């Protein structure tokens, strides 16, 4: 039973770490881009990552 508890905690920690990494990537993309070199593709990547993060946040609150 303790192993299952530790596995669950590890899984939660891994998900939290993944979310932090994704948020850092989103923030980095927002700050690195300039208006001249911003293309539609990078903007879509940012929107997609933000959408995924919001969905995951809602899922973890439930």
PDB file of N, CA and C in Angstrom:
ATOM      1  N   UNK A   1       0.835  -1.203   0.000  1.00  0.00           N
ATOM      2  CA  UNK A   1       0.000   0.000   0.000  1.00  0.00           C
ATOM      3  C   UNK A   1       0.871   1.255   0.000  1.00  0.00           C
ATOM      4  N   UNK A   2       1.961   1.223   0.755  1.00  0.00           N
ATOM      5  CA  UNK A   2       2.848   2.381   0.792  1.00  0.00           C
ATOM      6  C   UNK A   2       3.491   2.627  -0.574  1.00  0.00           C
ATOM      7  N   UNK A   3       3.806   1.550  -1.292  1.00  0.00           N
ATOM      8  CA  UNK A   3       4.398   1.694  -2.626  1.00  0.00           C
ATOM      9  C   UNK A   3       3.411   2.373  -3.571  1.00  0.00           C
ATOM     10  N   UNK A   4       2.139   1.989  -3.499  1.00  0.00           N
ATOM     11  CA  UNK A   4       1.124   2.633  -4.339  1.00  0.00           C
ATOM     12  C   UNK A   4       1.019   4.114  -4.011  1.00  0.00           C
ATOM     13  N   UNK A   5       1.092   4.432  -2.730  1.00  0.00           N
ATOM     14  CA  UNK A   5       1.027   5.826  -2.305  1.00  0.00           C
ATOM     15  C   UNK A   5       2.222   6.605  -2.847  1.00  0.00           C
ATOM     16  N   UNK A   6       3.396   5.994  -2.770  1.00  0.00           N
ATOM     17  CA  UNK A   6       4.598   6.650  -3.287  1.00  0.00           C
ATOM     18  C   UNK A   6       4.539   6.802  -4.804  1.00  0.00           C
ATOM     19  N   UNK A   7       4.004   5.794  -5.485  1.00  0.00           N
ATOM     20  CA  UNK A   7       3.858   5.887  -6.947  1.00  0.00           C
ATOM     21  C   UNK A   7       2.915   7.025  -7.321  1.00  0.00           C
ATOM     22  N   UNK A   8       1.820   7.136  -6.590  1.00  0.00           N
ATOM     23  CA  UNK A   8       0.858   8.204  -6.865  1.00  0.00           C
ATOM     24  C   UNK A   8       1.507   9.565  -6.633  1.00  0.00           C
ATOM     25  N   UNK A   9       2.258   9.687  -5.545  1.00  0.00           N
ATOM     26  CA  UNK A   9       2.928  10.951  -5.249  1.00  0.00           C
ATOM     27  C   UNK A   9       3.970  11.270  -6.324  1.00  0.00           C
ATOM     28  N   UNK A  10       4.727  10.268  -6.765  1.00  0.00           N
ATOM     29  CA  UNK A  10       5.717  10.467  -7.823  1.00  0.00           C
ATOM     30  C   UNK A  10       5.039  10.919  -9.113  1.00  0.00           C
ATOM     31  N   UNK A  11       3.927  10.297  -9.429  1.00  0.00           N
ATOM     32  CA  UNK A  11       3.184  10.662 -10.633  1.00  0.00           C
ATOM     33  C   UNK A  11       2.716  12.113 -10.552  1.00  0.00           C
ATOM     34  N   UNK A  12       2.211  12.520  -9.387  1.00  0.00           N
ATOM     35  CA  UNK A  12       1.775  13.906  -9.194  1.00  0.00           C
ATOM     36  C   UNK A  12       2.951  14.868  -9.350  1.00  0.00           C
ATOM     37  N   UNK A  13       4.090  14.500  -8.768  1.00  0.00           N
ATOM     38  CA  UNK A  13       5.281  15.347  -8.869  1.00  0.00           C
ATOM     39  C   UNK A  13       5.751  15.464 -10.317  1.00  0.00           C
ATOM     40  N   UNK A  14       5.711  14.357 -11.052  1.00  0.00           N
ATOM     41  CA  UNK A  14       6.120  14.385 -12.458  1.00  0.00           C
ATOM     42  C   UNK A  14       5.190  15.270 -13.274  1.00  0.00           C
ATOM     43  N   UNK A  15       3.882  15.194 -13.009  1.00  0.00           N
ATOM     44  CA  UNK A  15       2.925  16.040 -13.731  1.00  0.00           C
ATOM     45  C   UNK A  15       3.155  17.514 -13.393  1.00  0.00           C
ATOM     46  N   UNK A  16       3.397  17.808 -12.123  1.00  0.00           N
ATOM     47  CA  UNK A  16       3.656  19.190 -11.713  1.00  0.00           C
ATOM     48  C   UNK A  16       4.919  19.710 -12.401  1.00  0.00           C
ATOM     49  N   UNK A  17       5.945  18.875 -12.460  1.00  0.00           N
ATOM     50  CA  UNK A  17       7.198  19.255 -13.114  1.00  0.00           C
ATOM     51  C   UNK A  17       6.966  19.518 -14.603  1.00  0.00           C
ATOM     52  N   UNK A  18       6.188  18.652 -15.245  1.00  0.00           N
ATOM     53  CA  UNK A  18       5.884  18.817 -16.669  1.00  0.00           C
ATOM     54  C   UNK A  18       5.133  20.131 -16.910  1.00  0.00           C
ATOM     55  N   UNK A  19       4.172  20.442 -16.040  1.00  0.00           N
ATOM     56  CA  UNK A  19       3.408  21.683 -16.186  1.00  0.00           C
ATOM     57  C   UNK A  19       4.309  22.900 -16.036  1.00  0.00           C
ATOM     58  N   UNK A  20       5.233  22.833 -15.067  1.00  0.00           N
ATOM     59  CA  UNK A  20       6.165  23.946 -14.871  1.00  0.00           C
ATOM     60  C   UNK A  20       7.034  24.124 -16.110  1.00  0.00           C
ATOM     61  N   UNK A  21       7.537  23.026 -16.660  1.00  0.00           N
ATOM     62  CA  UNK A  21       8.365  23.108 -17.869  1.00  0.00           C
ATOM     63  C   UNK A  21       7.581  23.709 -19.029  1.00  0.00           C
ATOM     64  N   UNK A  22       6.328  23.293 -19.193  1.00  0.00           N
ATOM     65  CA  UNK A  22       5.507  23.834 -20.281  1.00  0.00           C
ATOM     66  C   UNK A  22       5.243  25.317 -20.073  1.00  0.00           C
ATOM     67  N   UNK A  23       4.975  25.716 -18.820  1.00  0.00           N
ATOM     68  CA  UNK A  23       4.725  27.126 -18.544  1.00  0.00           C
ATOM     69  C   UNK A  23       5.977  27.956 -18.816  1.00  0.00           C
ATOM     70  N   UNK A  24       7.137  27.432 -18.440  1.00  0.00           N
ATOM     71  CA  UNK A  24       8.387  28.136 -18.730  1.00  0.00           C
ATOM     72  C   UNK A  24       8.591  28.290 -20.231  1.00  0.00           C
ATOM     73  N   UNK A  25       8.264  27.259 -20.994  1.00  0.00           N
ATOM     74  CA  UNK A  25       8.391  27.331 -22.448  1.00  0.00           C
ATOM     75  C   UNK A  25       7.457  28.393 -23.018  1.00  0.00           C
ATOM     76  N   UNK A  26       6.224  28.412 -22.543  1.00  0.00           N
ATOM     77  CA  UNK A  26       5.260  29.421 -23.003  1.00  0.00           C
ATOM     78  C   UNK A  26       5.783  30.820 -22.684  1.00  0.00           C
ATOM     79  N   UNK A  27       6.247  31.017 -21.448  1.00  0.00           N
ATOM     80  CA  UNK A  27       6.771  32.327 -21.054  1.00  0.00           C
ATOM     81  C   UNK A  27       7.983  32.713 -21.895  1.00  0.00           C
ATOM     82  N   UNK A  28       8.868  31.750 -22.145  1.00  0.00           N
ATOM     83  CA  UNK A  28      10.060  32.023 -22.948  1.00  0.00           C
ATOM     84  C   UNK A  28       9.673  32.420 -24.369  1.00  0.00           C
ATOM     85  N   UNK A  29       8.738  31.693 -24.960  1.00  0.00           N
ATOM     86  CA  UNK A  29       8.300  32.028 -26.314  1.00  0.00           C
ATOM     87  C   UNK A  29       7.671  33.415 -26.360  1.00  0.00           C
ATOM     88  N   UNK A  30       6.928  33.774 -25.324  1.00  0.00           N
ATOM     89  CA  UNK A  30       6.299  35.094 -25.287  1.00  0.00           C
ATOM     90  C   UNK A  30       7.344  36.204 -25.226  1.00  0.00           C
ATOM     91  N   UNK A  31       8.411  35.985 -24.455  1.00  0.00           N
ATOM     92  CA  UNK A  31       9.400  37.039 -24.247  1.00  0.00           C
ATOM     93  C   UNK A  31      10.457  37.098 -25.338  1.00  0.00           C
ATOM     94  N   UNK A  32      10.727  35.987 -25.993  1.00  0.00           N
ATOM     95  CA  UNK A  32      11.769  35.946 -27.017  1.00  0.00           C
ATOM     96  C   UNK A  32      11.281  36.537 -28.331  1.00  0.00           C
ATOM     97  N   UNK A  33      10.026  36.364 -28.631  1.00  0.00           N
ATOM     98  CA  UNK A  33       9.526  36.793 -29.936  1.00  0.00           C
ATOM     99  C   UNK A  33       9.502  38.317 -30.072  1.00  0.00           C
ATOM    100  N   UNK A  34       9.594  38.762 -31.300  1.00  0.00           N
ATOM    101  CA  UNK A  34       9.400  40.177 -31.615  1.00  0.00           C
ATOM    102  C   UNK A  34       8.271  40.263 -32.630  1.00  0.00           C
ATOM    103  N   UNK A  35       7.710  41.437 -32.767  1.00  0.00           N
ATOM    104  CA  UNK A  35       6.601  41.600 -33.706  1.00  0.00           C
ATOM    105  C   UNK A  35       7.018  41.283 -35.136  1.00  0.00           C
ATOM    106  N   UNK A  36       8.266  41.606 -35.498  1.00  0.00           N
ATOM    107  CA  UNK A  36       8.724  41.385 -36.868  1.00  0.00           C
ATOM    108  C   UNK A  36       8.847  39.905 -37.208  1.00  0.00           C
ATOM    109  N   UNK A  37       9.343  39.099 -36.258  1.00  0.00           N
ATOM    110  CA  UNK A  37       9.590  37.694 -36.591  1.00  0.00           C
ATOM    111  C   UNK A  37       8.533  36.729 -36.051  1.00  0.00           C
ATOM    112  N   UNK A  38       7.493  37.268 -35.470  1.00  0.00           N
ATOM    113  CA  UNK A  38       6.416  36.407 -34.983  1.00  0.00           C
ATOM    114  C   UNK A  38       5.615  35.908 -36.183  1.00  0.00           C
ATOM    115  N   UNK A  39       5.554  34.606 -36.328  1.00  0.00           N
ATOM    116  CA  UNK A  39       4.737  34.070 -37.407  1.00  0.00           C
ATOM    117  C   UNK A  39       3.530  33.348 -36.818  1.00  0.00           C
ATOM    118  N   UNK A  40       2.617  33.011 -37.676  1.00  0.00           N
ATOM    119  CA  UNK A  40       1.366  32.388 -37.247  1.00  0.00           C
ATOM    120  C   UNK A  40       1.625  31.072 -36.521  1.00  0.00           C
ATOM    121  N   UNK A  41       2.603  30.317 -36.977  1.00  0.00           N
ATOM    122  CA  UNK A  41       2.882  29.004 -36.397  1.00  0.00           C
ATOM    123  C   UNK A  41       3.287  29.108 -34.925  1.00  0.00           C
ATOM    124  N   UNK A  42       4.194  29.992 -34.593  1.00  0.00           N
ATOM    125  CA  UNK A  42       4.636  30.102 -33.202  1.00  0.00           C
ATOM    126  C   UNK A  42       3.500  30.596 -32.310  1.00  0.00           C
ATOM    127  N   UNK A  43       2.661  31.468 -32.835  1.00  0.00           N
ATOM    128  CA  UNK A  43       1.518  31.946 -32.062  1.00  0.00           C
ATOM    129  C   UNK A  43       0.553  30.797 -31.770  1.00  0.00           C
ATOM    130  N   UNK A  44       0.345  29.933 -32.740  1.00  0.00           N
ATOM    131  CA  UNK A  44      -0.528  28.774 -32.540  1.00  0.00           C
ATOM    132  C   UNK A  44       0.058  27.809 -31.511  1.00  0.00           C
ATOM    133  N   UNK A  45       1.376  27.630 -31.519  1.00  0.00           N
ATOM    134  CA  UNK A  45       2.026  26.764 -30.529  1.00  0.00           C
ATOM    135  C   UNK A  45       1.775  27.311 -29.123  1.00  0.00           C
ATOM    136  N   UNK A  46       1.939  28.606 -28.954  1.00  0.00           N
ATOM    137  CA  UNK A  46       1.724  29.232 -27.647  1.00  0.00           C
ATOM    138  C   UNK A  46       0.280  29.038 -27.200  1.00  0.00           C
ATOM    139  N   UNK A  47      -0.669  29.303 -28.092  1.00  0.00           N
ATOM    140  CA  UNK A  47      -2.082  29.143 -27.743  1.00  0.00           C
ATOM    141  C   UNK A  47      -2.400  27.703 -27.375  1.00  0.00           C
ATOM    142  N   UNK A  48      -1.846  26.754 -28.126  1.00  0.00           N
ATOM    143  CA  UNK A  48      -2.088  25.340 -27.857  1.00  0.00           C
ATOM    144  C   UNK A  48      -1.525  24.935 -26.497  1.00  0.00           C
ATOM    145  N   UNK A  49      -0.305  25.374 -26.187  1.00  0.00           N
ATOM    146  CA  UNK A  49       0.297  25.048 -24.891  1.00  0.00           C
ATOM    147  C   UNK A  49      -0.498  25.662 -23.745  1.00  0.00           C
ATOM    148  N   UNK A  50      -0.942  26.911 -23.914  1.00  0.00           N
ATOM    149  CA  UNK A  50      -1.737  27.553 -22.868  1.00  0.00           C
ATOM    150  C   UNK A  50      -3.056  26.820 -22.661  1.00  0.00           C
ATOM    151  N   UNK A  51      -3.687  26.390 -23.755  1.00  0.00           N
ATOM    152  CA  UNK A  51      -4.938  25.646 -23.656  1.00  0.00           C
ATOM    153  C   UNK A  51      -4.719  24.341 -22.888  1.00  0.00           C
ATOM    154  N   UNK A  52      -3.636  23.615 -23.231  1.00  0.00           N
ATOM    155  CA  UNK A  52      -3.326  22.364 -22.531  1.00  0.00           C
ATOM    156  C   UNK A  52      -3.090  22.601 -21.046  1.00  0.00           C
ATOM    157  N   UNK A  53      -2.364  23.664 -20.723  1.00  0.00           N
ATOM    158  CA  UNK A  53      -2.100  23.968 -19.318  1.00  0.00           C
ATOM    159  C   UNK A  53      -3.389  24.275 -18.569  1.00  0.00           C
ATOM    160  N   UNK A  54      -4.269  25.047 -19.184  1.00  0.00           N
ATOM    161  CA  UNK A  54      -5.536  25.372 -18.535  1.00  0.00           C
ATOM    162  C   UNK A  54      -6.388  24.132 -18.314  1.00  0.00           C
ATOM    163  N   UNK A  55      -6.413  23.234 -19.291  1.00  0.00           N
ATOM    164  CA  UNK A  55      -7.170  21.988 -19.154  1.00  0.00           C
ATOM    165  C   UNK A  55      -6.597  21.153 -18.014  1.00  0.00           C
ATOM    166  N   UNK A  56      -5.263  21.059 -17.945  1.00  0.00           N
ATOM    167  CA  UNK A  56      -4.627  20.283 -16.880  1.00  0.00           C
ATOM    168  C   UNK A  56      -4.879  20.909 -15.519  1.00  0.00           C
ATOM    169  N   UNK A  57      -4.857  22.234 -15.447  1.00  0.00           N
ATOM    170  CA  UNK A  57      -5.131  22.908 -14.164  1.00  0.00           C
ATOM    171  C   UNK A  57      -6.545  22.594 -13.687  1.00  0.00           C
ATOM    172  N   UNK A  58      -7.504  22.648 -14.610  1.00  0.00           N
ATOM    173  CA  UNK A  58      -8.884  22.333 -14.243  1.00  0.00           C
ATOM    174  C   UNK A  58      -9.013  20.884 -13.803  1.00  0.00           C
ATOM    175  N   UNK A  59      -8.297  19.994 -14.474  1.00  0.00           N
ATOM    176  CA  UNK A  59      -8.363  18.570 -14.135  1.00  0.00           C
ATOM    177  C   UNK A  59      -7.774  18.305 -12.757  1.00  0.00           C
ATOM    178  N   UNK A  60      -6.728  19.031 -12.384  1.00  0.00           N
ATOM    179  CA  UNK A  60      -6.110  18.788 -11.081  1.00  0.00           C
ATOM    180  C   UNK A  60      -6.920  19.405  -9.950  1.00  0.00           C
ATOM    181  N   UNK A  61      -7.722  20.415 -10.243  1.00  0.00           N
ATOM    182  CA  UNK A  61      -8.566  21.028  -9.212  1.00  0.00           C
ATOM    183  C   UNK A  61      -9.771  20.160  -8.888  1.00  0.00           C
ATOM    184  N   UNK A  62     -10.189  19.340  -9.854  1.00  0.00           N
ATOM    185  CA  UNK A  62     -11.387  18.510  -9.669  1.00  0.00           C
ATOM    186  C   UNK A  62     -11.113  17.309  -8.797  1.00  0.00           C
TER     187      UNK A  62
END
